[in-house]
Amino acid sequence: MNGINFGKAKSEKKDDANKVKTKARKKGYQTGSHKSGAAKHKAEIRQRVKNRASQRKG
């Protein structure tokens, strides 16, 4: 058309709405069971927050 286009051709998108898109959402990363020190620390903090009296239902 107006010169050369070096961009990548657009492909059709598949309907993957139910797939987990990032590793951070997978259970192993959320619980820290994949041996990452940072993930273990974050999981520990999440557990402490969850166990607070103000966070409990009922």
N, C-alpha and C. Protein backbone atom coordinates (compact mmCIF):
# COMPACT_ATOMS: atom_id res chain seq x y z
N MET A 1 0.82 -1.18 0.00
CA MET A 1 0.00 0.00 0.00
C MET A 1 0.87 1.26 0.00
N ASN A 2 1.28 1.71 1.20
CA ASN A 2 2.10 2.93 1.31
C ASN A 2 3.49 2.56 1.77
N GLY A 3 4.15 1.64 1.12
CA GLY A 3 5.49 1.22 1.52
C GLY A 3 5.47 -0.19 2.07
N ILE A 4 6.58 -0.57 2.68
CA ILE A 4 6.74 -1.93 3.17
C ILE A 4 6.33 -1.96 4.65
N ASN A 5 5.56 -2.98 5.01
CA ASN A 5 5.14 -3.16 6.39
C ASN A 5 5.88 -4.37 6.95
N PHE A 6 6.71 -4.15 7.98
CA PHE A 6 7.50 -5.22 8.57
C PHE A 6 6.86 -5.80 9.82
N GLY A 7 5.62 -5.42 10.13
CA GLY A 7 4.94 -5.92 11.32
C GLY A 7 4.51 -7.36 11.15
N LYS A 8 4.29 -8.00 12.27
CA LYS A 8 3.85 -9.39 12.27
C LYS A 8 2.38 -9.46 11.84
N ALA A 9 2.05 -10.47 11.07
CA ALA A 9 0.68 -10.65 10.62
C ALA A 9 -0.20 -11.00 11.81
N LYS A 10 -1.41 -10.47 11.83
CA LYS A 10 -2.33 -10.74 12.93
C LYS A 10 -2.91 -12.14 12.77
N SER A 11 -2.96 -12.86 13.88
CA SER A 11 -3.51 -14.21 13.86
C SER A 11 -4.84 -14.22 14.61
N GLU A 12 -5.63 -15.24 14.38
CA GLU A 12 -6.91 -15.35 15.06
C GLU A 12 -6.68 -15.70 16.52
N LYS A 13 -7.46 -15.09 17.40
CA LYS A 13 -7.35 -15.38 18.82
C LYS A 13 -8.25 -16.56 19.16
N LYS A 14 -7.72 -17.47 19.95
CA LYS A 14 -8.50 -18.61 20.40
C LYS A 14 -9.23 -18.22 21.68
N ASP A 15 -10.34 -18.84 21.93
CA ASP A 15 -11.13 -18.54 23.12
C ASP A 15 -10.58 -19.34 24.30
N ASP A 16 -9.62 -18.77 25.00
CA ASP A 16 -8.99 -19.43 26.14
C ASP A 16 -9.36 -18.71 27.45
N ALA A 17 -10.61 -18.37 27.60
CA ALA A 17 -11.04 -17.60 28.76
C ALA A 17 -10.87 -18.37 30.07
N ASN A 18 -10.92 -19.69 30.04
CA ASN A 18 -10.85 -20.48 31.27
C ASN A 18 -9.43 -20.85 31.67
N LYS A 19 -8.44 -20.53 30.85
CA LYS A 19 -7.06 -20.89 31.16
C LYS A 19 -6.45 -19.91 32.17
N VAL A 20 -5.51 -20.41 32.97
CA VAL A 20 -4.75 -19.56 33.87
C VAL A 20 -3.71 -18.83 33.02
N LYS A 21 -3.69 -17.52 33.10
CA LYS A 21 -2.85 -16.75 32.21
C LYS A 21 -1.45 -16.48 32.75
N THR A 22 -1.27 -16.49 34.07
CA THR A 22 0.05 -16.22 34.62
C THR A 22 0.44 -17.29 35.63
N LYS A 23 1.72 -17.49 35.77
CA LYS A 23 2.22 -18.47 36.72
C LYS A 23 1.86 -18.07 38.15
N ALA A 24 1.79 -16.77 38.39
CA ALA A 24 1.54 -16.29 39.74
C ALA A 24 0.18 -16.73 40.27
N ARG A 25 -0.74 -17.08 39.39
CA ARG A 25 -2.06 -17.50 39.84
C ARG A 25 -2.13 -19.00 40.11
N LYS A 26 -1.14 -19.73 39.71
CA LYS A 26 -1.16 -21.17 39.93
C LYS A 26 -0.91 -21.47 41.40
N LYS A 27 -1.50 -22.57 41.87
CA LYS A 27 -1.45 -22.89 43.30
C LYS A 27 -0.03 -23.02 43.84
N GLY A 28 0.86 -23.63 43.08
CA GLY A 28 2.22 -23.80 43.55
C GLY A 28 2.94 -22.49 43.80
N TYR A 29 2.64 -21.50 43.01
CA TYR A 29 3.26 -20.20 43.21
C TYR A 29 2.58 -19.44 44.33
N GLN A 30 1.29 -19.62 44.50
CA GLN A 30 0.60 -18.92 45.58
C GLN A 30 0.96 -19.47 46.94
N THR A 31 1.22 -20.77 47.02
CA THR A 31 1.52 -21.39 48.31
C THR A 31 3.01 -21.43 48.61
N GLY A 32 3.85 -21.09 47.63
CA GLY A 32 5.29 -21.09 47.84
C GLY A 32 5.91 -22.47 47.79
N SER A 33 5.20 -23.45 47.25
CA SER A 33 5.70 -24.81 47.26
C SER A 33 6.72 -25.08 46.14
N HIS A 34 7.03 -24.09 45.33
CA HIS A 34 7.99 -24.30 44.24
C HIS A 34 9.40 -23.86 44.63
N LYS A 35 9.65 -23.74 45.93
CA LYS A 35 10.98 -23.49 46.50
C LYS A 35 11.48 -22.05 46.33
N SER A 36 10.61 -21.12 46.03
CA SER A 36 11.03 -19.73 45.94
C SER A 36 10.87 -19.08 47.31
N GLY A 37 11.94 -18.49 47.79
CA GLY A 37 11.90 -17.85 49.10
C GLY A 37 10.90 -16.72 49.17
N ALA A 38 10.82 -15.91 48.12
CA ALA A 38 9.90 -14.78 48.09
C ALA A 38 8.46 -15.26 48.10
N ALA A 39 8.17 -16.32 47.34
CA ALA A 39 6.81 -16.85 47.28
C ALA A 39 6.42 -17.46 48.63
N LYS A 40 7.36 -18.13 49.29
CA LYS A 40 7.07 -18.70 50.61
C LYS A 40 6.75 -17.59 51.60
N HIS A 41 7.52 -16.51 51.53
CA HIS A 41 7.31 -15.39 52.44
C HIS A 41 5.94 -14.75 52.19
N LYS A 42 5.59 -14.54 50.93
CA LYS A 42 4.29 -13.96 50.60
C LYS A 42 3.15 -14.88 51.04
N ALA A 43 3.34 -16.19 50.86
CA ALA A 43 2.31 -17.15 51.27
C ALA A 43 2.13 -17.11 52.79
N GLU A 44 3.23 -16.97 53.50
CA GLU A 44 3.17 -16.89 54.95
C GLU A 44 2.41 -15.64 55.39
N ILE A 45 2.66 -14.53 54.73
CA ILE A 45 1.95 -13.28 55.03
C ILE A 45 0.47 -13.43 54.74
N ARG A 46 0.14 -14.03 53.59
CA ARG A 46 -1.27 -14.25 53.24
C ARG A 46 -1.97 -15.10 54.29
N GLN A 47 -1.27 -16.12 54.79
CA GLN A 47 -1.84 -17.00 55.79
C GLN A 47 -2.10 -16.25 57.09
N ARG A 48 -1.15 -15.39 57.49
CA ARG A 48 -1.32 -14.61 58.71
C ARG A 48 -2.49 -13.65 58.59
N VAL A 49 -2.64 -13.01 57.43
CA VAL A 49 -3.75 -12.08 57.20
C VAL A 49 -5.07 -12.84 57.26
N LYS A 50 -5.10 -14.02 56.65
CA LYS A 50 -6.32 -14.83 56.62
C LYS A 50 -6.73 -15.27 58.02
N ASN A 51 -5.76 -15.50 58.90
CA ASN A 51 -6.06 -15.99 60.25
C ASN A 51 -6.35 -14.88 61.25
N ARG A 52 -6.27 -13.62 60.85
CA ARG A 52 -6.59 -12.52 61.75
C ARG A 52 -8.07 -12.57 62.13
N ALA A 53 -8.36 -12.16 63.36
CA ALA A 53 -9.75 -12.15 63.82
C ALA A 53 -10.61 -11.24 62.96
N SER A 54 -10.04 -10.14 62.49
CA SER A 54 -10.82 -9.20 61.69
C SER A 54 -11.12 -9.72 60.29
N GLN A 55 -10.39 -10.74 59.84
CA GLN A 55 -10.58 -11.28 58.50
C GLN A 55 -11.48 -12.51 58.50
N ARG A 56 -11.76 -13.05 59.67
CA ARG A 56 -12.59 -14.26 59.75
C ARG A 56 -14.06 -13.92 59.62
N LYS A 57 -14.78 -14.83 58.98
CA LYS A 57 -16.24 -14.66 58.86
C LYS A 57 -16.91 -15.20 60.11
N GLY A 58 -17.94 -14.52 60.53
CA GLY A 58 -18.74 -15.04 61.64
C GLY A 58 -18.48 -14.48 62.95
